[in-house]
Amino acid sequence: MASRIRSITIDCRDPFALARFWGALLGYVDDPENPNAPGDPEAYLVPASGIGPALLFLPVPEPKEAKNRVHLDLQPAQGRDLEVQRVVRLGGSVVADHRRDDGSGWVVIADPEGNEACIERSAAERGDPSPGDHGPRPFPSTRTEGEREQLESLLDWYRAGIVAKVDGLASRHATATPLRSSTSIAGLIKHLALVEDAWFSLRFADAGAAPWCADVDWDADPDWEFHSAIDEPLALQVQRYVEACDRSRAIAAGAALDDLAANDEGRPFTLRFALIHLLEETARHLGHLDVLRELLDGTTGE
């Protein structure tokens, strides 16, 4: 798993004052557990959204004299020109203007101590597509005749939601891990394929594991599905999941709700329990996928 940028450090003469500038510009705030105060030896800001690296301001004795070797490229929510005006109001300055007649280009700005950054066009000015909305999906009938029909139709509705949720997802977003763990969209779908097989093929029918996971050393890597999914295409995970669901349906079709599992591992359970458990497991991870999708590319809806 690759390293993450935990924080970006900015050397400066007055950490508190510079933190106020960048906090206002970027929407960053004091760490609630360690607020900044004038005269502190350093200042630390975190994104108000909770997403992204922190900013650490450290004092150095000498003023900035040369051009940055590393700088931030900022994409404002509002228009580029309005953001440049806001930078100046906050105490920054314009270093170089690279705006073009066709509306493209950027503006190099400097904070009050001369650290440079670039203000690019907003997403709307660049013509980037707006986040999608998949909208609602038709809900299964709420007036089925029996318990089994209700359980199976609702479980299938959530299964279909898993596949729908990743439609059109970019590969870089499928394997992205924006949380403090190895959780990714691709990993969650691979996990759900394993869950389907674990409860229906392995435990209820005692039919063995799928070939693609039969030789996994789970003691060596309990989160293997999340670690291995990063190097595989999303389409493969979706295919595995769909096939696992098909196997589960076929196994369930040949049993009654009160039938006991053939391989219960010391925990006797019925087909009814397996269906209910897969309902909550699938619904829970569909919620995770929903949040991750919106976080990564803005797409919402069922």
C-alpha atoms as a PDB file:
ATOM      1  CA  MET A   1       0.000   0.000   0.000  1.00  0.00           C
ATOM      2  CA  ALA A   2       1.415   3.398  -1.010  1.00  0.00           C
ATOM      3  CA  SER A   3       2.344   6.171   1.408  1.00  0.00           C
ATOM      4  CA  ARG A   4      -0.085   9.017   2.050  1.00  0.00           C
ATOM      5  CA  ILE A   5       0.520  12.731   2.466  1.00  0.00           C
ATOM      6  CA  ARG A   6      -0.343  13.188   6.140  1.00  0.00           C
ATOM      7  CA  SER A   7       0.519  16.873   6.227  1.00  0.00           C
ATOM      8  CA  ILE A   8       2.123  19.588   4.103  1.00  0.00           C
ATOM      9  CA  THR A   9       4.740  21.614   5.975  1.00  0.00           C
ATOM     10  CA  ILE A  10       5.240  25.320   5.283  1.00  0.00           C
ATOM     11  CA  ASP A  11       8.316  27.055   6.703  1.00  0.00           C
ATOM     12  CA  CYS A  12       7.583  30.619   7.825  1.00  0.00           C
ATOM     13  CA  ARG A  13       8.453  33.432  10.240  1.00  0.00           C
ATOM     14  CA  ASP A  14       5.036  33.624  11.957  1.00  0.00           C
ATOM     15  CA  PRO A  15       3.242  30.251  12.056  1.00  0.00           C
ATOM     16  CA  PHE A  16       0.068  31.581  13.675  1.00  0.00           C
ATOM     17  CA  ALA A  17      -0.442  34.473  11.247  1.00  0.00           C
ATOM     18  CA  LEU A  18       0.267  32.362   8.170  1.00  0.00           C
ATOM     19  CA  ALA A  19      -2.035  29.619   9.427  1.00  0.00           C
ATOM     20  CA  ARG A  20      -4.851  32.175   9.585  1.00  0.00           C
ATOM     21  CA  PHE A  21      -4.290  33.100   5.914  1.00  0.00           C
ATOM     22  CA  TRP A  22      -4.235  29.525   4.614  1.00  0.00           C
ATOM     23  CA  GLY A  23      -7.071  28.448   6.877  1.00  0.00           C
ATOM     24  CA  ALA A  24      -9.321  31.162   5.430  1.00  0.00           C
ATOM     25  CA  LEU A  25      -8.227  30.436   1.863  1.00  0.00           C
ATOM     26  CA  LEU A  26      -8.626  26.649   1.968  1.00  0.00           C
ATOM     27  CA  GLY A  27     -11.352  26.162   4.552  1.00  0.00           C
ATOM     28  CA  TYR A  28      -8.984  24.615   7.088  1.00  0.00           C
ATOM     29  CA  VAL A  29      -9.510  24.888  10.845  1.00  0.00           C
ATOM     30  CA  ASP A  30      -7.581  24.394  14.078  1.00  0.00           C
ATOM     31  CA  ASP A  31      -7.265  20.868  15.360  1.00  0.00           C
ATOM     32  CA  PRO A  32     -10.069  20.797  17.999  1.00  0.00           C
ATOM     33  CA  GLU A  33      -7.807  18.880  20.392  1.00  0.00           C
ATOM     34  CA  ASN A  34      -4.883  21.283  19.980  1.00  0.00           C
ATOM     35  CA  PRO A  35      -6.023  24.772  18.940  1.00  0.00           C
ATOM     36  CA  ASN A  36      -3.434  27.286  17.759  1.00  0.00           C
ATOM     37  CA  ALA A  37      -2.566  30.436  19.682  1.00  0.00           C
ATOM     38  CA  PRO A  38      -0.334  33.465  18.950  1.00  0.00           C
ATOM     39  CA  GLY A  39       3.253  32.773  19.962  1.00  0.00           C
ATOM     40  CA  ASP A  40       2.997  28.999  19.647  1.00  0.00           C
ATOM     41  CA  PRO A  41       6.192  27.400  18.251  1.00  0.00           C
ATOM     42  CA  GLU A  42       4.144  25.884  15.409  1.00  0.00           C
ATOM     43  CA  ALA A  43       0.622  25.895  13.973  1.00  0.00           C
ATOM     44  CA  TYR A  44      -1.407  22.961  12.728  1.00  0.00           C
ATOM     45  CA  LEU A  45      -4.555  23.040  10.591  1.00  0.00           C
ATOM     46  CA  VAL A  46      -6.864  20.271   9.446  1.00  0.00           C
ATOM     47  CA  PRO A  47      -9.414  20.349   6.612  1.00  0.00           C
ATOM     48  CA  ALA A  48     -12.885  21.257   7.889  1.00  0.00           C
ATOM     49  CA  SER A  49     -14.312  18.563   5.596  1.00  0.00           C
ATOM     50  CA  GLY A  50     -12.116  15.935   7.255  1.00  0.00           C
ATOM     51  CA  ILE A  51     -10.703  14.992   3.843  1.00  0.00           C
ATOM     52  CA  GLY A  52      -7.171  15.794   2.742  1.00  0.00           C
ATOM     53  CA  PRO A  53      -3.752  16.351   4.319  1.00  0.00           C
ATOM     54  CA  ALA A  54      -3.184  18.662   7.273  1.00  0.00           C
ATOM     55  CA  LEU A  55      -1.060  21.825   7.092  1.00  0.00           C
ATOM     56  CA  LEU A  56       1.856  22.254   9.482  1.00  0.00           C
ATOM     57  CA  PHE A  57       3.518  25.667   9.860  1.00  0.00           C
ATOM     58  CA  LEU A  58       7.028  25.639  11.318  1.00  0.00           C
ATOM     59  CA  PRO A  59       9.175  28.663  12.190  1.00  0.00           C
ATOM     60  CA  VAL A  60      12.493  29.272  10.449  1.00  0.00           C
ATOM     61  CA  PRO A  61      14.874  32.208  11.132  1.00  0.00           C
ATOM     62  CA  GLU A  62      15.384  33.323   7.543  1.00  0.00           C
ATOM     63  CA  PRO A  63      12.771  34.862   5.215  1.00  0.00           C
ATOM     64  CA  LYS A  64      11.867  33.229   1.908  1.00  0.00           C
ATOM     65  CA  GLU A  65      14.352  34.264  -0.784  1.00  0.00           C
ATOM     66  CA  ALA A  66      13.985  31.871  -3.746  1.00  0.00           C
ATOM     67  CA  LYS A  67      11.106  30.416  -5.732  1.00  0.00           C
ATOM     68  CA  ASN A  68       9.295  27.443  -4.233  1.00  0.00           C
ATOM     69  CA  ARG A  69      10.507  24.058  -5.437  1.00  0.00           C
ATOM     70  CA  VAL A  70       7.094  22.663  -4.452  1.00  0.00           C
ATOM     71  CA  HIS A  71       3.843  24.607  -4.575  1.00  0.00           C
ATOM     72  CA  LEU A  72       0.083  24.026  -4.369  1.00  0.00           C
ATOM     73  CA  ASP A  73      -2.230  24.137  -7.391  1.00  0.00           C
ATOM     74  CA  LEU A  74      -5.625  25.240  -6.134  1.00  0.00           C
ATOM     75  CA  GLN A  75      -8.963  24.715  -7.872  1.00  0.00           C
ATOM     76  CA  PRO A  76     -11.562  27.010  -6.322  1.00  0.00           C
ATOM     77  CA  ALA A  77     -15.237  26.210  -5.944  1.00  0.00           C
ATOM     78  CA  GLN A  78     -16.068  29.680  -7.265  1.00  0.00           C
ATOM     79  CA  GLY A  79     -14.535  31.225 -10.371  1.00  0.00           C
ATOM     80  CA  ARG A  80     -10.776  31.613 -10.702  1.00  0.00           C
ATOM     81  CA  ASP A  81     -10.869  35.421 -10.959  1.00  0.00           C
ATOM     82  CA  LEU A  82     -13.085  35.780  -7.892  1.00  0.00           C
ATOM     83  CA  GLU A  83     -10.716  33.559  -5.951  1.00  0.00           C
ATOM     84  CA  VAL A  84      -7.711  35.694  -6.948  1.00  0.00           C
ATOM     85  CA  GLN A  85      -9.562  38.745  -5.635  1.00  0.00           C
ATOM     86  CA  ARG A  86     -10.231  36.907  -2.369  1.00  0.00           C
ATOM     87  CA  VAL A  87      -6.545  35.999  -2.035  1.00  0.00           C
ATOM     88  CA  VAL A  88      -5.627  39.688  -2.228  1.00  0.00           C
ATOM     89  CA  ARG A  89      -8.297  40.612   0.335  1.00  0.00           C
ATOM     90  CA  LEU A  90      -6.850  37.997   2.712  1.00  0.00           C
ATOM     91  CA  GLY A  91      -3.395  39.550   2.493  1.00  0.00           C
ATOM     92  CA  GLY A  92      -1.857  37.619  -0.405  1.00  0.00           C
ATOM     93  CA  SER A  93      -0.572  39.019  -3.691  1.00  0.00           C
ATOM     94  CA  VAL A  94      -0.424  38.269  -7.411  1.00  0.00           C
ATOM     95  CA  VAL A  95       3.031  37.135  -8.565  1.00  0.00           C
ATOM     96  CA  ALA A  96       2.332  36.303 -12.214  1.00  0.00           C
ATOM     97  CA  ASP A  97      -0.795  36.339 -14.374  1.00  0.00           C
ATOM     98  CA  HIS A  98      -1.026  33.526 -16.938  1.00  0.00           C
ATOM     99  CA  ARG A  99      -4.662  33.993 -17.895  1.00  0.00           C
ATOM    100  CA  ARG A 100      -5.350  33.736 -21.630  1.00  0.00           C
ATOM    101  CA  ASP A 101      -7.845  35.457 -23.869  1.00  0.00           C
ATOM    102  CA  ASP A 102      -9.822  32.232 -24.325  1.00  0.00           C
ATOM    103  CA  GLY A 103     -10.436  32.031 -20.569  1.00  0.00           C
ATOM    104  CA  SER A 104      -7.873  29.322 -19.843  1.00  0.00           C
ATOM    105  CA  GLY A 105      -4.706  29.741 -17.789  1.00  0.00           C
ATOM    106  CA  TRP A 106      -3.870  30.348 -14.149  1.00  0.00           C
ATOM    107  CA  VAL A 107      -2.647  32.985 -11.722  1.00  0.00           C
ATOM    108  CA  VAL A 108       0.417  32.609  -9.494  1.00  0.00           C
ATOM    109  CA  ILE A 109      -0.260  34.060  -6.058  1.00  0.00           C
ATOM    110  CA  ALA A 110       1.850  34.397  -2.928  1.00  0.00           C
ATOM    111  CA  ASP A 111       0.836  34.250   0.708  1.00  0.00           C
ATOM    112  CA  PRO A 112       1.885  37.066   3.084  1.00  0.00           C
ATOM    113  CA  GLU A 113       5.370  35.533   3.460  1.00  0.00           C
ATOM    114  CA  GLY A 114       5.937  34.945  -0.249  1.00  0.00           C
ATOM    115  CA  ASN A 115       5.118  31.238  -0.572  1.00  0.00           C
ATOM    116  CA  GLU A 116       3.664  30.723  -4.024  1.00  0.00           C
ATOM    117  CA  ALA A 117       0.653  28.792  -5.250  1.00  0.00           C
ATOM    118  CA  CYS A 118      -1.385  28.698  -8.449  1.00  0.00           C
ATOM    119  CA  ILE A 119      -5.080  29.480  -8.729  1.00  0.00           C
ATOM    120  CA  GLU A 120      -6.519  27.414 -11.574  1.00  0.00           C
ATOM    121  CA  ARG A 121      -9.958  27.547 -13.154  1.00  0.00           C
ATOM    122  CA  SER A 122     -12.908  26.088 -11.280  1.00  0.00           C
ATOM    123  CA  ALA A 123     -14.368  22.770 -12.401  1.00  0.00           C
ATOM    124  CA  ALA A 124     -17.254  24.620 -14.067  1.00  0.00           C
ATOM    125  CA  GLU A 125     -14.848  26.917 -15.935  1.00  0.00           C
ATOM    126  CA  ARG A 126     -12.874  23.913 -17.149  1.00  0.00           C
ATOM    127  CA  GLY A 127     -16.032  22.243 -18.404  1.00  0.00           C
ATOM    128  CA  ASP A 128     -15.561  19.240 -16.126  1.00  0.00           C
ATOM    129  CA  PRO A 129     -18.677  17.076 -15.952  1.00  0.00           C
ATOM    130  CA  SER A 130     -20.861  17.603 -12.927  1.00  0.00           C
ATOM    131  CA  PRO A 131     -21.167  14.751 -10.428  1.00  0.00           C
ATOM    132  CA  GLY A 132     -23.710  12.194 -11.587  1.00  0.00           C
ATOM    133  CA  ASP A 133     -26.896  11.083  -9.884  1.00  0.00           C
ATOM    134  CA  HIS A 134     -28.037   7.546 -10.546  1.00  0.00           C
ATOM    135  CA  GLY A 135     -31.430   8.362  -9.079  1.00  0.00           C
ATOM    136  CA  PRO A 136     -33.750   5.889  -7.355  1.00  0.00           C
ATOM    137  CA  ARG A 137     -34.164   2.248  -8.357  1.00  0.00           C
ATOM    138  CA  PRO A 138     -37.580   0.567  -8.481  1.00  0.00           C
ATOM    139  CA  PHE A 139     -38.213  -1.002  -5.091  1.00  0.00           C
ATOM    140  CA  PRO A 140     -39.276  -4.653  -4.895  1.00  0.00           C
ATOM    141  CA  SER A 141     -42.892  -5.401  -4.149  1.00  0.00           C
ATOM    142  CA  THR A 142     -43.882  -4.840  -0.524  1.00  0.00           C
ATOM    143  CA  ARG A 143     -46.931  -7.120  -0.850  1.00  0.00           C
ATOM    144  CA  THR A 144     -45.469 -10.495  -1.740  1.00  0.00           C
ATOM    145  CA  GLU A 145     -47.338 -13.572  -0.624  1.00  0.00           C
ATOM    146  CA  GLY A 146     -44.805 -15.135   1.681  1.00  0.00           C
ATOM    147  CA  GLU A 147     -41.750 -14.700   3.853  1.00  0.00           C
ATOM    148  CA  ARG A 148     -39.387 -16.356   1.410  1.00  0.00           C
ATOM    149  CA  GLU A 149     -40.417 -14.198  -1.530  1.00  0.00           C
ATOM    150  CA  GLN A 150     -39.922 -11.089   0.600  1.00  0.00           C
ATOM    151  CA  LEU A 151     -36.461 -12.126   1.804  1.00  0.00           C
ATOM    152  CA  GLU A 152     -35.196 -13.147  -1.627  1.00  0.00           C
ATOM    153  CA  SER A 153     -36.620 -10.184  -3.530  1.00  0.00           C
ATOM    154  CA  LEU A 154     -35.190  -7.669  -1.062  1.00  0.00           C
ATOM    155  CA  LEU A 155     -31.792  -9.386  -1.026  1.00  0.00           C
ATOM    156  CA  ASP A 156     -31.730  -9.357  -4.820  1.00  0.00           C
ATOM    157  CA  TRP A 157     -32.606  -5.649  -4.765  1.00  0.00           C
ATOM    158  CA  TYR A 158     -29.546  -4.939  -2.627  1.00  0.00           C
ATOM    159  CA  ARG A 159     -27.381  -7.225  -4.767  1.00  0.00           C
ATOM    160  CA  ALA A 160     -28.418  -5.307  -7.870  1.00  0.00           C
ATOM    161  CA  GLY A 161     -27.626  -2.087  -6.014  1.00  0.00           C
ATOM    162  CA  ILE A 162     -24.037  -3.196  -5.510  1.00  0.00           C
ATOM    163  CA  VAL A 163     -23.555  -3.619  -9.259  1.00  0.00           C
ATOM    164  CA  ALA A 164     -25.411  -0.394 -10.087  1.00  0.00           C
ATOM    165  CA  LYS A 165     -23.405   1.620  -7.591  1.00  0.00           C
ATOM    166  CA  VAL A 166     -20.116   1.051  -9.456  1.00  0.00           C
ATOM    167  CA  ASP A 167     -21.448   1.620 -12.976  1.00  0.00           C
ATOM    168  CA  GLY A 168     -19.219   4.118 -14.786  1.00  0.00           C
ATOM    169  CA  LEU A 169     -16.665   4.270 -11.970  1.00  0.00           C
ATOM    170  CA  ALA A 170     -13.125   5.205 -13.032  1.00  0.00           C
ATOM    171  CA  SER A 171     -10.483   2.566 -12.318  1.00  0.00           C
ATOM    172  CA  ARG A 172      -8.439   4.981 -10.194  1.00  0.00           C
ATOM    173  CA  HIS A 173     -11.468   5.528  -7.969  1.00  0.00           C
ATOM    174  CA  ALA A 174     -12.250   1.810  -7.749  1.00  0.00           C
ATOM    175  CA  THR A 175      -8.932   1.073  -6.039  1.00  0.00           C
ATOM    176  CA  ALA A 176      -8.573   4.359  -4.146  1.00  0.00           C
ATOM    177  CA  THR A 177      -8.289   4.056  -0.359  1.00  0.00           C
ATOM    178  CA  PRO A 178      -9.425   7.427   1.036  1.00  0.00           C
ATOM    179  CA  LEU A 179      -9.990   6.092   4.555  1.00  0.00           C
ATOM    180  CA  ARG A 180      -7.470   5.118   7.229  1.00  0.00           C
ATOM    181  CA  SER A 181      -7.515   1.516   6.089  1.00  0.00           C
ATOM    182  CA  SER A 182      -7.203  -0.552   2.931  1.00  0.00           C
ATOM    183  CA  THR A 183     -10.948  -0.245   2.252  1.00  0.00           C
ATOM    184  CA  SER A 184     -11.711   0.441  -1.410  1.00  0.00           C
ATOM    185  CA  ILE A 185     -14.727   0.052  -3.645  1.00  0.00           C
ATOM    186  CA  ALA A 186     -13.095  -2.829  -5.511  1.00  0.00           C
ATOM    187  CA  GLY A 187     -12.123  -4.450  -2.226  1.00  0.00           C
ATOM    188  CA  LEU A 188     -15.661  -4.223  -0.871  1.00  0.00           C
ATOM    189  CA  ILE A 189     -17.104  -5.932  -3.945  1.00  0.00           C
ATOM    190  CA  LYS A 190     -14.478  -8.673  -3.738  1.00  0.00           C
ATOM    191  CA  HIS A 191     -15.336  -9.030  -0.050  1.00  0.00           C
ATOM    192  CA  LEU A 192     -19.046  -9.374  -0.843  1.00  0.00           C
ATOM    193  CA  ALA A 193     -18.299 -12.114  -3.388  1.00  0.00           C
ATOM    194  CA  LEU A 194     -16.439 -13.965  -0.642  1.00  0.00           C
ATOM    195  CA  VAL A 195     -19.315 -13.438   1.791  1.00  0.00           C
ATOM    196  CA  GLU A 196     -21.840 -14.885  -0.672  1.00  0.00           C
ATOM    197  CA  ASP A 197     -19.734 -17.991  -1.215  1.00  0.00           C
ATOM    198  CA  ALA A 198     -18.843 -18.328   2.455  1.00  0.00           C
ATOM    199  CA  TRP A 199     -22.440 -18.520   3.643  1.00  0.00           C
ATOM    200  CA  PHE A 200     -24.082 -20.403   0.780  1.00  0.00           C
ATOM    201  CA  SER A 201     -21.462 -22.489  -1.054  1.00  0.00           C
ATOM    202  CA  LEU A 202     -19.005 -23.191   1.770  1.00  0.00           C
ATOM    203  CA  ARG A 203     -21.201 -23.355   4.844  1.00  0.00           C
ATOM    204  CA  PHE A 204     -24.759 -24.103   3.763  1.00  0.00           C
ATOM    205  CA  ALA A 205     -24.029 -26.443   0.835  1.00  0.00           C
ATOM    206  CA  ASP A 206     -20.503 -27.545   1.857  1.00  0.00           C
ATOM    207  CA  ALA A 207     -19.513 -27.203  -1.816  1.00  0.00           C
ATOM    208  CA  GLY A 208     -16.049 -25.685  -1.394  1.00  0.00           C
ATOM    209  CA  ALA A 209     -14.560 -22.316  -2.207  1.00  0.00           C
ATOM    210  CA  ALA A 210     -14.387 -20.695  -5.622  1.00  0.00           C
ATOM    211  CA  PRO A 211     -11.095 -21.428  -7.454  1.00  0.00           C
ATOM    212  CA  TRP A 212      -9.941 -17.801  -7.330  1.00  0.00           C
ATOM    213  CA  CYS A 213      -9.811 -17.823  -3.515  1.00  0.00           C
ATOM    214  CA  ALA A 214      -9.369 -21.517  -2.645  1.00  0.00           C
ATOM    215  CA  ASP A 215      -5.651 -21.239  -1.832  1.00  0.00           C
ATOM    216  CA  VAL A 216      -5.665 -18.005   0.189  1.00  0.00           C
ATOM    217  CA  ASP A 217      -3.725 -18.099   3.469  1.00  0.00           C
ATOM    218  CA  TRP A 218      -6.192 -16.173   5.641  1.00  0.00           C
ATOM    219  CA  ASP A 219      -3.987 -16.467   8.715  1.00  0.00           C
ATOM    220  CA  ALA A 220      -1.187 -14.671   6.893  1.00  0.00           C
ATOM    221  CA  ASP A 221      -3.461 -11.954   5.493  1.00  0.00           C
ATOM    222  CA  PRO A 222      -6.943 -11.689   7.044  1.00  0.00           C
ATOM    223  CA  ASP A 223      -7.758  -8.730   4.747  1.00  0.00           C
ATOM    224  CA  TRP A 224      -6.481 -10.412   1.588  1.00  0.00           C
ATOM    225  CA  GLU A 225      -9.468  -9.398  -0.541  1.00  0.00           C
ATOM    226  CA  PHE A 226      -8.815  -5.704   0.089  1.00  0.00           C
ATOM    227  CA  HIS A 227      -5.050  -5.907  -0.392  1.00  0.00           C
ATOM    228  CA  SER A 228      -5.252  -7.988  -3.586  1.00  0.00           C
ATOM    229  CA  ALA A 229      -8.092  -6.017  -5.214  1.00  0.00           C
ATOM    230  CA  ILE A 230      -5.842  -3.017  -5.784  1.00  0.00           C
ATOM    231  CA  ASP A 231      -3.984  -4.832  -8.586  1.00  0.00           C
ATOM    232  CA  GLU A 232      -7.066  -6.202 -10.366  1.00  0.00           C
ATOM    233  CA  PRO A 233      -9.651  -4.584 -12.660  1.00  0.00           C
ATOM    234  CA  LEU A 234     -12.996  -3.612 -11.188  1.00  0.00           C
ATOM    235  CA  ALA A 235     -14.811  -5.570 -13.903  1.00  0.00           C
ATOM    236  CA  LEU A 236     -13.248  -8.758 -12.550  1.00  0.00           C
ATOM    237  CA  GLN A 237     -14.589  -8.066  -9.063  1.00  0.00           C
ATOM    238  CA  VAL A 238     -18.060  -7.370 -10.414  1.00  0.00           C
ATOM    239  CA  GLN A 239     -17.956 -10.587 -12.458  1.00  0.00           C
ATOM    240  CA  ARG A 240     -16.914 -12.595  -9.403  1.00  0.00           C
ATOM    241  CA  TYR A 241     -19.672 -11.015  -7.352  1.00  0.00           C
ATOM    242  CA  VAL A 242     -22.381 -11.663  -9.938  1.00  0.00           C
ATOM    243  CA  GLU A 243     -21.263 -15.279 -10.304  1.00  0.00           C
ATOM    244  CA  ALA A 244     -21.203 -15.759  -6.522  1.00  0.00           C
ATOM    245  CA  CYS A 245     -24.742 -14.372  -6.264  1.00  0.00           C
ATOM    246  CA  ASP A 246     -25.870 -16.776  -8.992  1.00  0.00           C
ATOM    247  CA  ARG A 247     -24.381 -19.679  -7.042  1.00  0.00           C
ATOM    248  CA  SER A 248     -26.128 -18.523  -3.884  1.00  0.00           C
ATOM    249  CA  ARG A 249     -29.501 -18.325  -5.633  1.00  0.00           C
ATOM    250  CA  ALA A 250     -29.099 -21.806  -7.089  1.00  0.00           C
ATOM    251  CA  ILE A 251     -28.217 -23.274  -3.695  1.00  0.00           C
ATOM    252  CA  ALA A 252     -31.084 -21.495  -1.947  1.00  0.00           C
ATOM    253  CA  ALA A 253     -33.554 -22.619  -4.591  1.00  0.00           C
ATOM    254  CA  GLY A 254     -33.003 -26.249  -3.639  1.00  0.00           C
ATOM    255  CA  ALA A 255     -33.639 -25.827   0.091  1.00  0.00           C
ATOM    256  CA  ALA A 256     -36.384 -24.797   2.506  1.00  0.00           C
ATOM    257  CA  LEU A 257     -36.058 -21.880   4.900  1.00  0.00           C
ATOM    258  CA  ASP A 258     -35.769 -24.174   7.915  1.00  0.00           C
ATOM    259  CA  ASP A 259     -33.158 -26.479   6.378  1.00  0.00           C
ATOM    260  CA  LEU A 260     -29.906 -26.589   8.342  1.00  0.00           C
ATOM    261  CA  ALA A 261     -26.476 -25.925   6.873  1.00  0.00           C
ATOM    262  CA  ALA A 262     -24.362 -28.927   5.924  1.00  0.00           C
ATOM    263  CA  ASN A 263     -21.181 -27.286   7.254  1.00  0.00           C
ATOM    264  CA  ASP A 264     -22.099 -25.102  10.218  1.00  0.00           C
ATOM    265  CA  GLU A 265     -18.592 -24.835  11.776  1.00  0.00           C
ATOM    266  CA  GLY A 266     -20.111 -25.371  15.214  1.00  0.00           C
ATOM    267  CA  ARG A 267     -22.791 -22.723  14.682  1.00  0.00           C
ATOM    268  CA  PRO A 268     -25.960 -24.404  13.391  1.00  0.00           C
ATOM    269  CA  PHE A 269     -27.941 -22.085  11.131  1.00  0.00           C
ATOM    270  CA  THR A 270     -30.812 -22.303   8.689  1.00  0.00           C
ATOM    271  CA  LEU A 271     -31.270 -21.006   5.171  1.00  0.00           C
ATOM    272  CA  ARG A 272     -33.532 -18.353   6.685  1.00  0.00           C
ATOM    273  CA  PHE A 273     -30.632 -17.086   8.809  1.00  0.00           C
ATOM    274  CA  ALA A 274     -28.274 -17.052   5.803  1.00  0.00           C
ATOM    275  CA  LEU A 275     -30.725 -14.957   3.786  1.00  0.00           C
ATOM    276  CA  ILE A 276     -31.285 -12.508   6.635  1.00  0.00           C
ATOM    277  CA  HIS A 277     -27.564 -12.225   7.334  1.00  0.00           C
ATOM    278  CA  LEU A 278     -26.769 -11.587   3.653  1.00  0.00           C
ATOM    279  CA  LEU A 279     -29.489  -8.949   3.617  1.00  0.00           C
ATOM    280  CA  GLU A 280     -27.859  -6.942   6.400  1.00  0.00           C
ATOM    281  CA  GLU A 281     -24.324  -7.586   5.155  1.00  0.00           C
ATOM    282  CA  THR A 282     -25.121  -6.483   1.608  1.00  0.00           C
ATOM    283  CA  ALA A 283     -27.137  -3.459   2.748  1.00  0.00           C
ATOM    284  CA  ARG A 284     -24.353  -2.374   5.107  1.00  0.00           C
ATOM    285  CA  HIS A 285     -21.672  -2.519   2.432  1.00  0.00           C
ATOM    286  CA  LEU A 286     -23.926  -0.875  -0.155  1.00  0.00           C
ATOM    287  CA  GLY A 287     -24.048   2.048   2.265  1.00  0.00           C
ATOM    288  CA  HIS A 288     -20.253   2.039   2.423  1.00  0.00           C
ATOM    289  CA  LEU A 289     -20.072   2.020  -1.390  1.00  0.00           C
ATOM    290  CA  ASP A 290     -22.563   4.874  -1.534  1.00  0.00           C
ATOM    291  CA  VAL A 291     -20.421   7.067   0.714  1.00  0.00           C
ATOM    292  CA  LEU A 292     -17.149   6.121  -1.025  1.00  0.00           C
ATOM    293  CA  ARG A 293     -18.574   6.811  -4.485  1.00  0.00           C
ATOM    294  CA  GLU A 294     -19.833  10.243  -3.470  1.00  0.00           C
ATOM    295  CA  LEU A 295     -16.525  11.008  -1.747  1.00  0.00           C
ATOM    296  CA  LEU A 296     -14.399   9.959  -4.726  1.00  0.00           C
ATOM    297  CA  ASP A 297     -16.269  11.345  -7.741  1.00  0.00           C
ATOM    298  CA  GLY A 298     -19.425  12.973  -6.422  1.00  0.00           C
ATOM    299  CA  THR A 299     -21.888  10.468  -7.882  1.00  0.00           C
ATOM    300  CA  THR A 300     -25.023  10.034  -5.784  1.00  0.00           C
ATOM    301  CA  GLY A 301     -28.276   8.084  -5.974  1.00  0.00           C
ATOM    302  CA  GLU A 302     -29.234   4.458  -5.540  1.00  0.00           C
END
